[in-house]
Amino acid sequence: MDGAGEAVPPQAARSLVAAGARMDRFGWVPATAGNLSQRLADGRIAITRSGVHKGFLTEADIIAVDAAGTPLRAGDKASAETLLHCQVYRRVPDAGAVLHGHSVAATVLSMTEAAPALTFSGYELLKAFAGQTTHATTLALPMVANDQDMPRLAAVLEPFFTAGMPLGYVIRGHGVYVWGPDMPTALARLEGLEFLLACALERRRLR
């Protein structure tokens, strides 16, 4: 592949930079936490490079990888978690963007709740997720154990995709993964999920 083919289109790079700034504004990507990606029209994936603060991203911090997560330009380093983004794009055909954050609410709840999933009922914000038309529903957010072995973690997650996972999922003590057909939708779903998580944490405090 030539240099032009390896470059991330400026519009996609700007989209990811803006998403990183928004997530940083809400405290969802502290330090160098989190990963953001977007599927490109040619099937490549634009993703944040490893080890950069998402609140200070530049277009140069957005790299291109192939469908297996391999960087397409010499010297580029993708996060090990790139594999989880690739899994979403493989299993969810209409996914156009994937966001991974490390909020306080997601981290605390996933470390203190023993159930295999968090459930949310009656919230108006449930309508922010695909296929939901009413607040009078219950959605589950699966939680899986953290693992530094990404292929093994991806294998654990694989069966959940059969159920659709409308809210995304949580890696315990780590953070959330959400996606959507485009970046604005993915961001809206992340904000909706983080609202639900914050409400769940606050309700536990009030008990």
Foldseek 3Di string as FASTA:
>chain_A
DDPVVFADPPVQLVLQLVLLLVCVVVVFAPQNRKKKWFADPVQKIWIFFPRDRSNDDDSVRIGIDHLCRHTPDPPTHHDPCSNVVSLCCVLPVLWGMKIKTHDPLLAVCLQPDPDQWDKDAQDPLVCLWPPDDDRHDMATAGEAEDDPPNVVVSVVCVVVVVVPRRLAYGHHNGTGMFTDNHSVSRSSSVVSSVVRSVVVVVVVVVD
